[in-house]
């Protein structure tokens, strides 16, 4: 599963009442800032934790991406994320209209499996009566969403069929490096990496070396690096068992 991004709400009292508008409007971050709030969640998660919706809304207005009488322009996301070194692209030139079978949905799901996140424009229905941007951070049996306007379960852990019917467009944000951190493939680890991993697991479990003499079998296992000889009678985790099995494969004559 991907890592859950930083969560911001557009109605947060720290910035909700502040303006997000161009001349001739009275809109605020709370009423119209869902797009820049989604961008702020991505930026704060991937590049700069100090960035808030107030910053991204100001950037949007300053660079001409706040649409008069509407929300945020579709062209906003790519340059806003690029300003922080984050890759982003819009998937569709025209928005969808009740097309749950459109192939773009599976394209997005495949990208999410690779570690991307997706900003989605939602149409009338569960999320909005007009238009509303949300941040999709994973998609398994449910669509995992950070909604700038709500924490309701049906809006943050959505039924995929409902989501597909109501989504209008997608922007992909490249979070692959972030989501790959600490995801190690044990089959590719060197001997030293395996030794370090086992040491970290033992430290996390609060293990301490035993003072009693090791049995001959444990001494041999320690010599081969299958174990470091601590807590010989303790149960091991699945991860530790995997390390031991890999060691055994690497030493088939034991």
C-alpha atoms as a PDB file:
ATOM      1  CA  UNK A   1       0.000   0.000   0.000  1.00  0.00           C
ATOM      2  CA  UNK A   2       1.157   3.536  -0.727  1.00  0.00           C
ATOM      3  CA  UNK A   3       1.981   5.893   2.101  1.00  0.00           C
ATOM      4  CA  UNK A   4      -0.845   8.169   3.161  1.00  0.00           C
ATOM      5  CA  UNK A   5      -0.056  11.824   2.380  1.00  0.00           C
ATOM      6  CA  UNK A   6      -0.257  14.778   4.722  1.00  0.00           C
ATOM      7  CA  UNK A   7      -3.929  15.681   5.159  1.00  0.00           C
ATOM      8  CA  UNK A   8      -5.222  19.253   4.905  1.00  0.00           C
ATOM      9  CA  UNK A   9      -8.805  20.517   5.061  1.00  0.00           C
ATOM     10  CA  UNK A  10      -9.860  23.605   3.152  1.00  0.00           C
ATOM     11  CA  UNK A  11     -12.064  24.705   6.067  1.00  0.00           C
ATOM     12  CA  UNK A  12      -9.247  24.569   8.616  1.00  0.00           C
ATOM     13  CA  UNK A  13      -9.581  27.690  10.840  1.00  0.00           C
ATOM     14  CA  UNK A  14      -5.930  28.539  10.200  1.00  0.00           C
ATOM     15  CA  UNK A  15      -6.728  29.477   6.595  1.00  0.00           C
ATOM     16  CA  UNK A  16     -10.336  28.595   5.696  1.00  0.00           C
ATOM     17  CA  UNK A  17     -11.653  32.155   5.890  1.00  0.00           C
ATOM     18  CA  UNK A  18      -8.750  33.663   3.954  1.00  0.00           C
ATOM     19  CA  UNK A  19      -9.399  34.826   0.384  1.00  0.00           C
ATOM     20  CA  UNK A  20      -9.008  32.613  -2.646  1.00  0.00           C
ATOM     21  CA  UNK A  21     -10.319  34.973  -5.261  1.00  0.00           C
ATOM     22  CA  UNK A  22      -9.739  37.315  -8.162  1.00  0.00           C
ATOM     23  CA  UNK A  23     -11.354  40.770  -8.512  1.00  0.00           C
ATOM     24  CA  UNK A  24     -15.135  40.489  -8.621  1.00  0.00           C
ATOM     25  CA  UNK A  25     -15.301  37.468  -6.272  1.00  0.00           C
ATOM     26  CA  UNK A  26     -15.739  36.906  -2.548  1.00  0.00           C
ATOM     27  CA  UNK A  27     -14.646  33.255  -2.436  1.00  0.00           C
ATOM     28  CA  UNK A  28     -12.384  31.839   0.283  1.00  0.00           C
ATOM     29  CA  UNK A  29     -10.091  28.839   0.648  1.00  0.00           C
ATOM     30  CA  UNK A  30     -12.938  27.053   2.441  1.00  0.00           C
ATOM     31  CA  UNK A  31     -15.426  27.684  -0.368  1.00  0.00           C
ATOM     32  CA  UNK A  32     -13.250  27.285  -3.461  1.00  0.00           C
ATOM     33  CA  UNK A  33      -9.739  26.118  -2.572  1.00  0.00           C
ATOM     34  CA  UNK A  34     -10.019  22.339  -2.995  1.00  0.00           C
ATOM     35  CA  UNK A  35      -7.581  22.231  -5.948  1.00  0.00           C
ATOM     36  CA  UNK A  36      -4.698  24.077  -4.283  1.00  0.00           C
ATOM     37  CA  UNK A  37      -5.394  22.180  -1.051  1.00  0.00           C
ATOM     38  CA  UNK A  38      -4.809  18.908  -2.918  1.00  0.00           C
ATOM     39  CA  UNK A  39      -1.607  20.353  -4.344  1.00  0.00           C
ATOM     40  CA  UNK A  40      -0.510  21.431  -0.858  1.00  0.00           C
ATOM     41  CA  UNK A  41      -1.001  17.880   0.439  1.00  0.00           C
ATOM     42  CA  UNK A  42       1.224  16.517  -2.317  1.00  0.00           C
ATOM     43  CA  UNK A  43       3.911  19.169  -1.871  1.00  0.00           C
ATOM     44  CA  UNK A  44       3.974  18.916   1.926  1.00  0.00           C
ATOM     45  CA  UNK A  45       4.313  15.129   1.649  1.00  0.00           C
ATOM     46  CA  UNK A  46       6.964  14.991  -1.077  1.00  0.00           C
ATOM     47  CA  UNK A  47       8.955  18.224  -1.025  1.00  0.00           C
ATOM     48  CA  UNK A  48       8.365  20.809   1.714  1.00  0.00           C
ATOM     49  CA  UNK A  49       6.455  20.028   4.904  1.00  0.00           C
ATOM     50  CA  UNK A  50       6.050  23.760   5.641  1.00  0.00           C
ATOM     51  CA  UNK A  51       3.805  24.362   2.600  1.00  0.00           C
ATOM     52  CA  UNK A  52       0.133  24.912   3.462  1.00  0.00           C
ATOM     53  CA  UNK A  53      -3.057  25.566   1.457  1.00  0.00           C
ATOM     54  CA  UNK A  54      -2.581  29.268   2.098  1.00  0.00           C
ATOM     55  CA  UNK A  55       0.700  29.099   0.144  1.00  0.00           C
ATOM     56  CA  UNK A  56      -0.681  27.151  -2.800  1.00  0.00           C
ATOM     57  CA  UNK A  57      -3.826  29.268  -3.060  1.00  0.00           C
ATOM     58  CA  UNK A  58      -1.710  32.422  -3.114  1.00  0.00           C
ATOM     59  CA  UNK A  59       0.505  30.887  -5.823  1.00  0.00           C
ATOM     60  CA  UNK A  60      -2.543  29.967  -7.902  1.00  0.00           C
ATOM     61  CA  UNK A  61      -3.956  33.506  -7.773  1.00  0.00           C
ATOM     62  CA  UNK A  62      -0.580  35.097  -8.385  1.00  0.00           C
ATOM     63  CA  UNK A  63       0.018  33.002 -11.508  1.00  0.00           C
ATOM     64  CA  UNK A  64      -3.477  33.383 -12.942  1.00  0.00           C
ATOM     65  CA  UNK A  65      -4.926  29.924 -12.244  1.00  0.00           C
ATOM     66  CA  UNK A  66      -7.972  31.050 -10.247  1.00  0.00           C
ATOM     67  CA  UNK A  67     -10.903  31.128 -12.674  1.00  0.00           C
ATOM     68  CA  UNK A  68     -13.371  33.998 -12.258  1.00  0.00           C
ATOM     69  CA  UNK A  69     -16.665  32.752 -10.877  1.00  0.00           C
ATOM     70  CA  UNK A  70     -15.377  29.173 -10.740  1.00  0.00           C
ATOM     71  CA  UNK A  71     -12.611  27.235  -9.024  1.00  0.00           C
ATOM     72  CA  UNK A  72      -9.099  26.359 -10.144  1.00  0.00           C
ATOM     73  CA  UNK A  73      -8.015  25.997 -13.768  1.00  0.00           C
ATOM     74  CA  UNK A  74      -7.124  22.518 -15.004  1.00  0.00           C
ATOM     75  CA  UNK A  75      -3.736  23.860 -16.111  1.00  0.00           C
ATOM     76  CA  UNK A  76      -2.778  24.727 -12.515  1.00  0.00           C
ATOM     77  CA  UNK A  77      -1.477  21.423 -11.167  1.00  0.00           C
ATOM     78  CA  UNK A  78       1.462  20.712 -13.468  1.00  0.00           C
ATOM     79  CA  UNK A  79       3.288  24.046 -12.999  1.00  0.00           C
ATOM     80  CA  UNK A  80       2.439  24.235  -9.287  1.00  0.00           C
ATOM     81  CA  UNK A  81       3.954  20.824  -8.541  1.00  0.00           C
ATOM     82  CA  UNK A  82       6.832  21.448 -10.949  1.00  0.00           C
ATOM     83  CA  UNK A  83       7.777  24.486  -8.852  1.00  0.00           C
ATOM     84  CA  UNK A  84       8.710  21.964  -6.139  1.00  0.00           C
ATOM     85  CA  UNK A  85      10.340  19.424  -8.447  1.00  0.00           C
ATOM     86  CA  UNK A  86       7.351  17.062  -8.547  1.00  0.00           C
ATOM     87  CA  UNK A  87       6.296  15.473 -11.823  1.00  0.00           C
ATOM     88  CA  UNK A  88       2.634  15.846 -12.777  1.00  0.00           C
ATOM     89  CA  UNK A  89       0.486  15.355 -15.869  1.00  0.00           C
ATOM     90  CA  UNK A  90      -3.172  15.561 -16.794  1.00  0.00           C
ATOM     91  CA  UNK A  91      -4.535  12.351 -18.298  1.00  0.00           C
ATOM     92  CA  UNK A  92      -7.566  13.561 -20.284  1.00  0.00           C
ATOM     93  CA  UNK A  93      -8.080  16.568 -22.519  1.00  0.00           C
ATOM     94  CA  UNK A  94     -11.846  16.541 -21.945  1.00  0.00           C
ATOM     95  CA  UNK A  95     -13.614  15.560 -18.760  1.00  0.00           C
ATOM     96  CA  UNK A  96     -15.516  12.325 -18.412  1.00  0.00           C
ATOM     97  CA  UNK A  97     -19.279  12.180 -17.980  1.00  0.00           C
ATOM     98  CA  UNK A  98     -20.589   9.056 -16.231  1.00  0.00           C
ATOM     99  CA  UNK A  99     -18.160   6.670 -17.958  1.00  0.00           C
ATOM    100  CA  UNK A 100     -17.274   4.006 -15.357  1.00  0.00           C
ATOM    101  CA  UNK A 101     -15.964   1.679 -18.077  1.00  0.00           C
ATOM    102  CA  UNK A 102     -13.505   4.178 -19.554  1.00  0.00           C
ATOM    103  CA  UNK A 103      -9.962   2.689 -19.709  1.00  0.00           C
ATOM    104  CA  UNK A 104      -8.465   5.715 -17.948  1.00  0.00           C
ATOM    105  CA  UNK A 105      -9.713   4.403 -14.590  1.00  0.00           C
ATOM    106  CA  UNK A 106      -7.619   1.253 -14.856  1.00  0.00           C
ATOM    107  CA  UNK A 107      -4.674   3.332 -16.066  1.00  0.00           C
ATOM    108  CA  UNK A 108      -4.906   5.384 -12.889  1.00  0.00           C
ATOM    109  CA  UNK A 109      -5.226   2.293 -10.725  1.00  0.00           C
ATOM    110  CA  UNK A 110      -2.121   0.799 -12.379  1.00  0.00           C
ATOM    111  CA  UNK A 111      -0.161   3.996 -11.729  1.00  0.00           C
ATOM    112  CA  UNK A 112      -1.255   3.984  -8.095  1.00  0.00           C
ATOM    113  CA  UNK A 113       0.109   0.444  -7.766  1.00  0.00           C
ATOM    114  CA  UNK A 114       3.436   1.798  -9.011  1.00  0.00           C
ATOM    115  CA  UNK A 115       3.489   4.459  -6.294  1.00  0.00           C
ATOM    116  CA  UNK A 116       1.893   7.465  -8.008  1.00  0.00           C
ATOM    117  CA  UNK A 117      -0.871   9.543  -6.458  1.00  0.00           C
ATOM    118  CA  UNK A 118      -3.778  11.018  -8.432  1.00  0.00           C
ATOM    119  CA  UNK A 119      -5.677  14.274  -8.075  1.00  0.00           C
ATOM    120  CA  UNK A 120      -9.218  13.591  -9.250  1.00  0.00           C
ATOM    121  CA  UNK A 121     -11.921  16.043 -10.285  1.00  0.00           C
ATOM    122  CA  UNK A 122     -15.255  14.764  -8.984  1.00  0.00           C
ATOM    123  CA  UNK A 123     -18.604  15.617 -10.537  1.00  0.00           C
ATOM    124  CA  UNK A 124     -22.087  15.824  -8.990  1.00  0.00           C
ATOM    125  CA  UNK A 125     -22.957  13.055  -6.569  1.00  0.00           C
ATOM    126  CA  UNK A 126     -21.213  11.831  -3.444  1.00  0.00           C
ATOM    127  CA  UNK A 127     -18.511  14.478  -3.241  1.00  0.00           C
ATOM    128  CA  UNK A 128     -20.109  17.606  -4.654  1.00  0.00           C
ATOM    129  CA  UNK A 129     -23.085  19.210  -6.335  1.00  0.00           C
ATOM    130  CA  UNK A 130     -20.806  20.855  -8.887  1.00  0.00           C
ATOM    131  CA  UNK A 131     -17.085  20.113  -9.082  1.00  0.00           C
ATOM    132  CA  UNK A 132     -14.559  19.146  -6.416  1.00  0.00           C
ATOM    133  CA  UNK A 133     -10.891  18.067  -6.381  1.00  0.00           C
ATOM    134  CA  UNK A 134      -9.734  15.193  -4.149  1.00  0.00           C
ATOM    135  CA  UNK A 135      -6.425  13.369  -3.709  1.00  0.00           C
ATOM    136  CA  UNK A 136      -6.406   9.610  -4.381  1.00  0.00           C
ATOM    137  CA  UNK A 137      -3.445   7.957  -2.651  1.00  0.00           C
ATOM    138  CA  UNK A 138      -4.233   4.246  -3.134  1.00  0.00           C
ATOM    139  CA  UNK A 139      -6.739   1.925  -4.752  1.00  0.00           C
ATOM    140  CA  UNK A 140      -7.264  -1.667  -3.582  1.00  0.00           C
ATOM    141  CA  UNK A 141     -10.705  -3.027  -2.762  1.00  0.00           C
ATOM    142  CA  UNK A 142     -11.640   0.583  -2.002  1.00  0.00           C
ATOM    143  CA  UNK A 143     -10.485   3.895  -3.441  1.00  0.00           C
ATOM    144  CA  UNK A 144      -8.400   5.589  -0.726  1.00  0.00           C
ATOM    145  CA  UNK A 145      -8.972   9.336  -0.806  1.00  0.00           C
ATOM    146  CA  UNK A 146      -8.014  12.483   1.063  1.00  0.00           C
ATOM    147  CA  UNK A 147     -10.969  14.823   0.595  1.00  0.00           C
ATOM    148  CA  UNK A 148     -10.162  18.478   1.390  1.00  0.00           C
ATOM    149  CA  UNK A 149     -13.784  19.026   2.470  1.00  0.00           C
ATOM    150  CA  UNK A 150     -14.698  15.893   4.429  1.00  0.00           C
ATOM    151  CA  UNK A 151     -13.543  12.948   6.527  1.00  0.00           C
ATOM    152  CA  UNK A 152     -16.738  10.922   5.881  1.00  0.00           C
ATOM    153  CA  UNK A 153     -15.966   7.263   5.219  1.00  0.00           C
ATOM    154  CA  UNK A 154     -17.914   7.087   1.939  1.00  0.00           C
ATOM    155  CA  UNK A 155     -15.794   9.975   0.642  1.00  0.00           C
ATOM    156  CA  UNK A 156     -12.419   8.734   1.883  1.00  0.00           C
ATOM    157  CA  UNK A 157     -12.829   4.949   1.413  1.00  0.00           C
ATOM    158  CA  UNK A 158     -14.988   4.920  -1.671  1.00  0.00           C
ATOM    159  CA  UNK A 159     -16.756   2.119  -3.437  1.00  0.00           C
ATOM    160  CA  UNK A 160     -14.850   1.836  -6.765  1.00  0.00           C
ATOM    161  CA  UNK A 161     -18.014   1.682  -8.881  1.00  0.00           C
ATOM    162  CA  UNK A 162     -19.323   4.911  -7.379  1.00  0.00           C
ATOM    163  CA  UNK A 163     -15.971   6.596  -7.801  1.00  0.00           C
ATOM    164  CA  UNK A 164     -15.673   5.597 -11.460  1.00  0.00           C
ATOM    165  CA  UNK A 165     -19.144   6.957 -12.224  1.00  0.00           C
ATOM    166  CA  UNK A 166     -18.529  10.320 -10.588  1.00  0.00           C
ATOM    167  CA  UNK A 167     -14.914  11.135 -11.458  1.00  0.00           C
ATOM    168  CA  UNK A 168     -14.437  13.657 -14.282  1.00  0.00           C
ATOM    169  CA  UNK A 169     -10.673  13.915 -14.788  1.00  0.00           C
ATOM    170  CA  UNK A 170      -7.301  12.894 -13.385  1.00  0.00           C
ATOM    171  CA  UNK A 171      -3.853  14.400 -12.757  1.00  0.00           C
ATOM    172  CA  UNK A 172      -1.007  12.049 -11.830  1.00  0.00           C
ATOM    173  CA  UNK A 173       1.569  13.166  -9.237  1.00  0.00           C
ATOM    174  CA  UNK A 174       4.843  11.261  -9.170  1.00  0.00           C
ATOM    175  CA  UNK A 175       5.230   9.929  -5.615  1.00  0.00           C
ATOM    176  CA  UNK A 176       7.094   6.750  -6.600  1.00  0.00           C
ATOM    177  CA  UNK A 177      10.336   7.483  -4.773  1.00  0.00           C
ATOM    178  CA  UNK A 178       8.418   8.447  -1.646  1.00  0.00           C
ATOM    179  CA  UNK A 179       6.307   5.312  -1.700  1.00  0.00           C
ATOM    180  CA  UNK A 180       9.284   3.039  -2.439  1.00  0.00           C
ATOM    181  CA  UNK A 181      11.216   4.156   0.647  1.00  0.00           C
ATOM    182  CA  UNK A 182      11.888   1.266   3.017  1.00  0.00           C
ATOM    183  CA  UNK A 183      10.222  -1.236   0.648  1.00  0.00           C
ATOM    184  CA  UNK A 184      13.064  -3.740   0.349  1.00  0.00           C
ATOM    185  CA  UNK A 185      13.094  -6.802  -1.923  1.00  0.00           C
ATOM    186  CA  UNK A 186      14.802  -9.410   0.255  1.00  0.00           C
ATOM    187  CA  UNK A 187      15.938 -11.435  -2.777  1.00  0.00           C
ATOM    188  CA  UNK A 188      18.185  -8.533  -3.796  1.00  0.00           C
ATOM    189  CA  UNK A 189      19.832  -7.879  -0.462  1.00  0.00           C
ATOM    190  CA  UNK A 190      23.565  -8.366   0.027  1.00  0.00           C
ATOM    191  CA  UNK A 191      24.943 -10.358   2.965  1.00  0.00           C
ATOM    192  CA  UNK A 192      25.722  -7.141   4.803  1.00  0.00           C
ATOM    193  CA  UNK A 193      22.235  -5.726   4.193  1.00  0.00           C
ATOM    194  CA  UNK A 194      20.689  -8.937   5.508  1.00  0.00           C
ATOM    195  CA  UNK A 195      22.880  -8.764   8.611  1.00  0.00           C
ATOM    196  CA  UNK A 196      21.849  -5.144   9.193  1.00  0.00           C
ATOM    197  CA  UNK A 197      18.165  -5.952   8.650  1.00  0.00           C
ATOM    198  CA  UNK A 198      18.276  -8.783  11.180  1.00  0.00           C
ATOM    199  CA  UNK A 199      20.050  -6.533  13.672  1.00  0.00           C
ATOM    200  CA  UNK A 200      17.353  -3.872  13.240  1.00  0.00           C
ATOM    201  CA  UNK A 201      14.579  -6.423  13.712  1.00  0.00           C
ATOM    202  CA  UNK A 202      16.180  -7.730  16.889  1.00  0.00           C
ATOM    203  CA  UNK A 203      16.700  -4.234  18.231  1.00  0.00           C
ATOM    204  CA  UNK A 204      13.083  -3.316  17.499  1.00  0.00           C
ATOM    205  CA  UNK A 205      11.949  -6.427  19.366  1.00  0.00           C
ATOM    206  CA  UNK A 206      14.066  -5.498  22.376  1.00  0.00           C
ATOM    207  CA  UNK A 207      16.257  -8.553  22.099  1.00  0.00           C
ATOM    208  CA  UNK A 208      19.478  -8.808  24.118  1.00  0.00           C
ATOM    209  CA  UNK A 209      22.297 -11.368  23.816  1.00  0.00           C
ATOM    210  CA  UNK A 210      22.012 -14.436  25.991  1.00  0.00           C
ATOM    211  CA  UNK A 211      24.744 -15.068  28.544  1.00  0.00           C
ATOM    212  CA  UNK A 212      24.474 -18.875  28.498  1.00  0.00           C
ATOM    213  CA  UNK A 213      26.758 -20.935  26.269  1.00  0.00           C
ATOM    214  CA  UNK A 214      25.432 -21.549  22.779  1.00  0.00           C
ATOM    215  CA  UNK A 215      24.561 -25.053  21.654  1.00  0.00           C
ATOM    216  CA  UNK A 216      26.724 -26.477  18.839  1.00  0.00           C
ATOM    217  CA  UNK A 217      23.845 -26.030  16.346  1.00  0.00           C
ATOM    218  CA  UNK A 218      23.358 -22.408  17.339  1.00  0.00           C
ATOM    219  CA  UNK A 219      27.072 -21.783  17.156  1.00  0.00           C
ATOM    220  CA  UNK A 220      27.098 -23.151  13.597  1.00  0.00           C
ATOM    221  CA  UNK A 221      24.055 -21.087  12.609  1.00  0.00           C
ATOM    222  CA  UNK A 222      25.730 -18.004  14.057  1.00  0.00           C
ATOM    223  CA  UNK A 223      28.950 -18.711  12.149  1.00  0.00           C
ATOM    224  CA  UNK A 224      26.983 -18.963   8.895  1.00  0.00           C
ATOM    225  CA  UNK A 225      25.143 -15.710   9.645  1.00  0.00           C
ATOM    226  CA  UNK A 226      21.695 -17.302   9.858  1.00  0.00           C
ATOM    227  CA  UNK A 227      21.305 -15.809  13.332  1.00  0.00           C
ATOM    228  CA  UNK A 228      23.369 -13.629  15.627  1.00  0.00           C
ATOM    229  CA  UNK A 229      22.810 -15.958  18.571  1.00  0.00           C
ATOM    230  CA  UNK A 230      20.379 -13.874  20.608  1.00  0.00           C
ATOM    231  CA  UNK A 231      17.305 -15.278  22.344  1.00  0.00           C
ATOM    232  CA  UNK A 232      17.605 -18.850  20.968  1.00  0.00           C
ATOM    233  CA  UNK A 233      14.251 -19.886  22.422  1.00  0.00           C
ATOM    234  CA  UNK A 234      12.250 -16.921  21.156  1.00  0.00           C
ATOM    235  CA  UNK A 235       9.707 -17.000  18.363  1.00  0.00           C
ATOM    236  CA  UNK A 236      10.651 -15.087  15.223  1.00  0.00           C
ATOM    237  CA  UNK A 237       8.680 -12.796  12.958  1.00  0.00           C
ATOM    238  CA  UNK A 238       7.861 -13.637   9.350  1.00  0.00           C
ATOM    239  CA  UNK A 239      10.503 -11.191   8.228  1.00  0.00           C
ATOM    240  CA  UNK A 240      13.143 -12.902  10.393  1.00  0.00           C
ATOM    241  CA  UNK A 241      12.081 -16.326   9.094  1.00  0.00           C
ATOM    242  CA  UNK A 242      12.448 -15.010   5.526  1.00  0.00           C
ATOM    243  CA  UNK A 243      15.969 -13.813   6.297  1.00  0.00           C
ATOM    244  CA  UNK A 244      16.856 -17.191   7.774  1.00  0.00           C
ATOM    245  CA  UNK A 245      15.401 -19.059   4.796  1.00  0.00           C
ATOM    246  CA  UNK A 246      17.372 -16.890   2.398  1.00  0.00           C
ATOM    247  CA  UNK A 247      20.525 -17.580   4.374  1.00  0.00           C
ATOM    248  CA  UNK A 248      19.872 -21.305   4.163  1.00  0.00           C
ATOM    249  CA  UNK A 249      19.458 -21.087   0.387  1.00  0.00           C
ATOM    250  CA  UNK A 250      22.746 -19.217   0.131  1.00  0.00           C
ATOM    251  CA  UNK A 251      24.436 -21.940   2.200  1.00  0.00           C
ATOM    252  CA  UNK A 252      22.937 -25.177   0.743  1.00  0.00           C
ATOM    253  CA  UNK A 253      25.591 -27.471   2.224  1.00  0.00           C
ATOM    254  CA  UNK A 254      24.671 -26.787   5.841  1.00  0.00           C
END
